[in-house]
C-alpha cells in the first residue's frame, strides 16, 4: 500500500496487470478488486479508473487504446450506477 500511495498523483499511475493467461483468474472481478485496492490506498475513483485505462495504455506505449476516441479500439462496460459516485470499495 505504501508504494501504491506514493504513486498517487504521479503520471503515469501504477500499471494494472495484464490478465490474459493467468490460471484461476476471473476476468473482470480481479480488475474490480484492483480498483478497490487503489481506492483503499487513497486514490479517488477517477484516479483509479485512469490508472486502469488511459495511464496504463500510456505507460505501455499503446497509441490505439486507453481512451474513447474515434479511431481507437475499446472494450466498453455499461453500468447502471456511476462508478465515480459509487466507489469500488
C-alpha atoms as a PDB file:
ATOM      1  CA  UNK A   1       0.000   0.000   0.000  1.00  0.00           C
ATOM      2  CA  UNK A   2       2.827   2.426   0.800  1.00  0.00           C
ATOM      3  CA  UNK A   3       4.271   2.074  -2.716  1.00  0.00           C
ATOM      4  CA  UNK A   4       0.815   2.490  -4.251  1.00  0.00           C
ATOM      5  CA  UNK A   5       0.095   5.592  -2.174  1.00  0.00           C
ATOM      6  CA  UNK A   6       3.419   7.043  -3.302  1.00  0.00           C
ATOM      7  CA  UNK A   7       2.369   6.661  -6.934  1.00  0.00           C
ATOM      8  CA  UNK A   8      -0.846   8.616  -6.473  1.00  0.00           C
ATOM      9  CA  UNK A   9      -0.637  11.863  -8.382  1.00  0.00           C
ATOM     10  CA  UNK A  10       2.314  10.645 -10.437  1.00  0.00           C
ATOM     11  CA  UNK A  11       1.884  10.206 -14.135  1.00  0.00           C
ATOM     12  CA  UNK A  12       1.561   7.582 -15.307  1.00  0.00           C
ATOM     13  CA  UNK A  13      -0.124   5.961 -12.336  1.00  0.00           C
ATOM     14  CA  UNK A  14       0.779   2.358 -11.491  1.00  0.00           C
ATOM     15  CA  UNK A  15       0.086  -0.099 -14.300  1.00  0.00           C
ATOM     16  CA  UNK A  16      -2.662  -2.573 -13.862  1.00  0.00           C
ATOM     17  CA  UNK A  17      -1.501  -6.079 -14.603  1.00  0.00           C
ATOM     18  CA  UNK A  18      -2.466  -7.848 -17.785  1.00  0.00           C
ATOM     19  CA  UNK A  19      -4.975 -10.585 -17.100  1.00  0.00           C
ATOM     20  CA  UNK A  20      -4.533 -12.921 -20.048  1.00  0.00           C
ATOM     21  CA  UNK A  21      -3.246 -16.412 -19.447  1.00  0.00           C
ATOM     22  CA  UNK A  22      -3.362 -16.298 -15.649  1.00  0.00           C
ATOM     23  CA  UNK A  23      -4.818 -19.534 -14.233  1.00  0.00           C
ATOM     24  CA  UNK A  24      -7.733 -19.245 -11.778  1.00  0.00           C
ATOM     25  CA  UNK A  25      -8.167 -15.559 -12.547  1.00  0.00           C
ATOM     26  CA  UNK A  26     -11.731 -14.481 -13.201  1.00  0.00           C
ATOM     27  CA  UNK A  27     -11.586 -11.643 -15.691  1.00  0.00           C
ATOM     28  CA  UNK A  28     -13.355  -8.511 -14.547  1.00  0.00           C
ATOM     29  CA  UNK A  29     -13.516  -9.494 -10.893  1.00  0.00           C
ATOM     30  CA  UNK A  30      -9.772  -9.128 -10.408  1.00  0.00           C
ATOM     31  CA  UNK A  31      -9.791  -5.701 -12.081  1.00  0.00           C
ATOM     32  CA  UNK A  32     -12.654  -4.587  -9.829  1.00  0.00           C
ATOM     33  CA  UNK A  33     -10.696  -5.816  -6.802  1.00  0.00           C
ATOM     34  CA  UNK A  34      -7.616  -3.967  -8.047  1.00  0.00           C
ATOM     35  CA  UNK A  35      -9.593  -0.737  -8.444  1.00  0.00           C
ATOM     36  CA  UNK A  36     -10.953  -1.155  -4.899  1.00  0.00           C
ATOM     37  CA  UNK A  37      -7.398  -1.580  -3.585  1.00  0.00           C
ATOM     38  CA  UNK A  38      -6.328   1.642  -5.306  1.00  0.00           C
ATOM     39  CA  UNK A  39      -9.250   3.487  -3.695  1.00  0.00           C
ATOM     40  CA  UNK A  40      -8.362   1.938  -0.327  1.00  0.00           C
ATOM     41  CA  UNK A  41      -4.786   3.188  -0.823  1.00  0.00           C
ATOM     42  CA  UNK A  42      -6.048   6.759  -1.187  1.00  0.00           C
ATOM     43  CA  UNK A  43      -6.772   7.173  -4.892  1.00  0.00           C
ATOM     44  CA  UNK A  44     -10.098   8.771  -5.701  1.00  0.00           C
ATOM     45  CA  UNK A  45     -12.357   6.794  -8.095  1.00  0.00           C
ATOM     46  CA  UNK A  46     -11.322   8.949 -11.073  1.00  0.00           C
ATOM     47  CA  UNK A  47      -7.619   8.306 -10.444  1.00  0.00           C
ATOM     48  CA  UNK A  48      -8.279   4.563 -10.061  1.00  0.00           C
ATOM     49  CA  UNK A  49     -10.128   4.420 -13.406  1.00  0.00           C
ATOM     50  CA  UNK A  50      -7.389   6.425 -15.106  1.00  0.00           C
ATOM     51  CA  UNK A  51      -4.758   4.051 -13.711  1.00  0.00           C
ATOM     52  CA  UNK A  52      -6.607   1.139 -15.333  1.00  0.00           C
ATOM     53  CA  UNK A  53      -7.277   2.847 -18.669  1.00  0.00           C
ATOM     54  CA  UNK A  54      -5.543   5.886 -20.139  1.00  0.00           C
ATOM     55  CA  UNK A  55      -2.471   5.952 -17.880  1.00  0.00           C
ATOM     56  CA  UNK A  56      -1.941   2.198 -18.254  1.00  0.00           C
ATOM     57  CA  UNK A  57      -2.124   2.457 -22.050  1.00  0.00           C
ATOM     58  CA  UNK A  58       0.263   5.413 -21.964  1.00  0.00           C
ATOM     59  CA  UNK A  59       2.782   3.612 -19.772  1.00  0.00           C
ATOM     60  CA  UNK A  60       2.771   0.571 -22.086  1.00  0.00           C
ATOM     61  CA  UNK A  61       3.159   2.810 -25.130  1.00  0.00           C
ATOM     62  CA  UNK A  62      -0.212   1.829 -26.641  1.00  0.00           C
ATOM     63  CA  UNK A  63      -1.442   4.522 -29.025  1.00  0.00           C
ATOM     64  CA  UNK A  64      -4.727   2.896 -30.073  1.00  0.00           C
ATOM     65  CA  UNK A  65      -6.286   2.214 -26.640  1.00  0.00           C
ATOM     66  CA  UNK A  66      -6.805   3.841 -23.264  1.00  0.00           C
ATOM     67  CA  UNK A  67      -9.415   6.474 -24.100  1.00  0.00           C
ATOM     68  CA  UNK A  68     -12.665   6.549 -26.033  1.00  0.00           C
ATOM     69  CA  UNK A  69     -11.884   8.381 -29.263  1.00  0.00           C
ATOM     70  CA  UNK A  70     -12.556   7.995 -32.964  1.00  0.00           C
ATOM     71  CA  UNK A  71     -10.077   5.529 -34.445  1.00  0.00           C
ATOM     72  CA  UNK A  72      -9.144   3.859 -31.146  1.00  0.00           C
ATOM     73  CA  UNK A  73     -10.004   0.318 -30.080  1.00  0.00           C
ATOM     74  CA  UNK A  74     -12.171  -0.007 -26.981  1.00  0.00           C
ATOM     75  CA  UNK A  75     -13.932  -2.530 -24.791  1.00  0.00           C
ATOM     76  CA  UNK A  76     -16.807  -0.817 -23.046  1.00  0.00           C
ATOM     77  CA  UNK A  77     -18.695  -1.723 -19.918  1.00  0.00           C
ATOM     78  CA  UNK A  78     -22.061  -0.073 -19.375  1.00  0.00           C
ATOM     79  CA  UNK A  79     -23.019   0.350 -15.729  1.00  0.00           C
ATOM     80  CA  UNK A  80     -26.313   1.215 -14.089  1.00  0.00           C
ATOM     81  CA  UNK A  81     -24.506   3.225 -11.400  1.00  0.00           C
ATOM     82  CA  UNK A  82     -21.924   5.987 -11.718  1.00  0.00           C
ATOM     83  CA  UNK A  83     -18.549   4.494 -10.642  1.00  0.00           C
ATOM     84  CA  UNK A  84     -17.331   7.958  -9.652  1.00  0.00           C
ATOM     85  CA  UNK A  85     -20.160   8.233  -7.123  1.00  0.00           C
ATOM     86  CA  UNK A  86     -20.441   4.588  -6.042  1.00  0.00           C
ATOM     87  CA  UNK A  87     -16.894   3.771  -5.026  1.00  0.00           C
ATOM     88  CA  UNK A  88     -15.202   0.466  -5.844  1.00  0.00           C
ATOM     89  CA  UNK A  89     -14.634  -0.473  -2.221  1.00  0.00           C
END
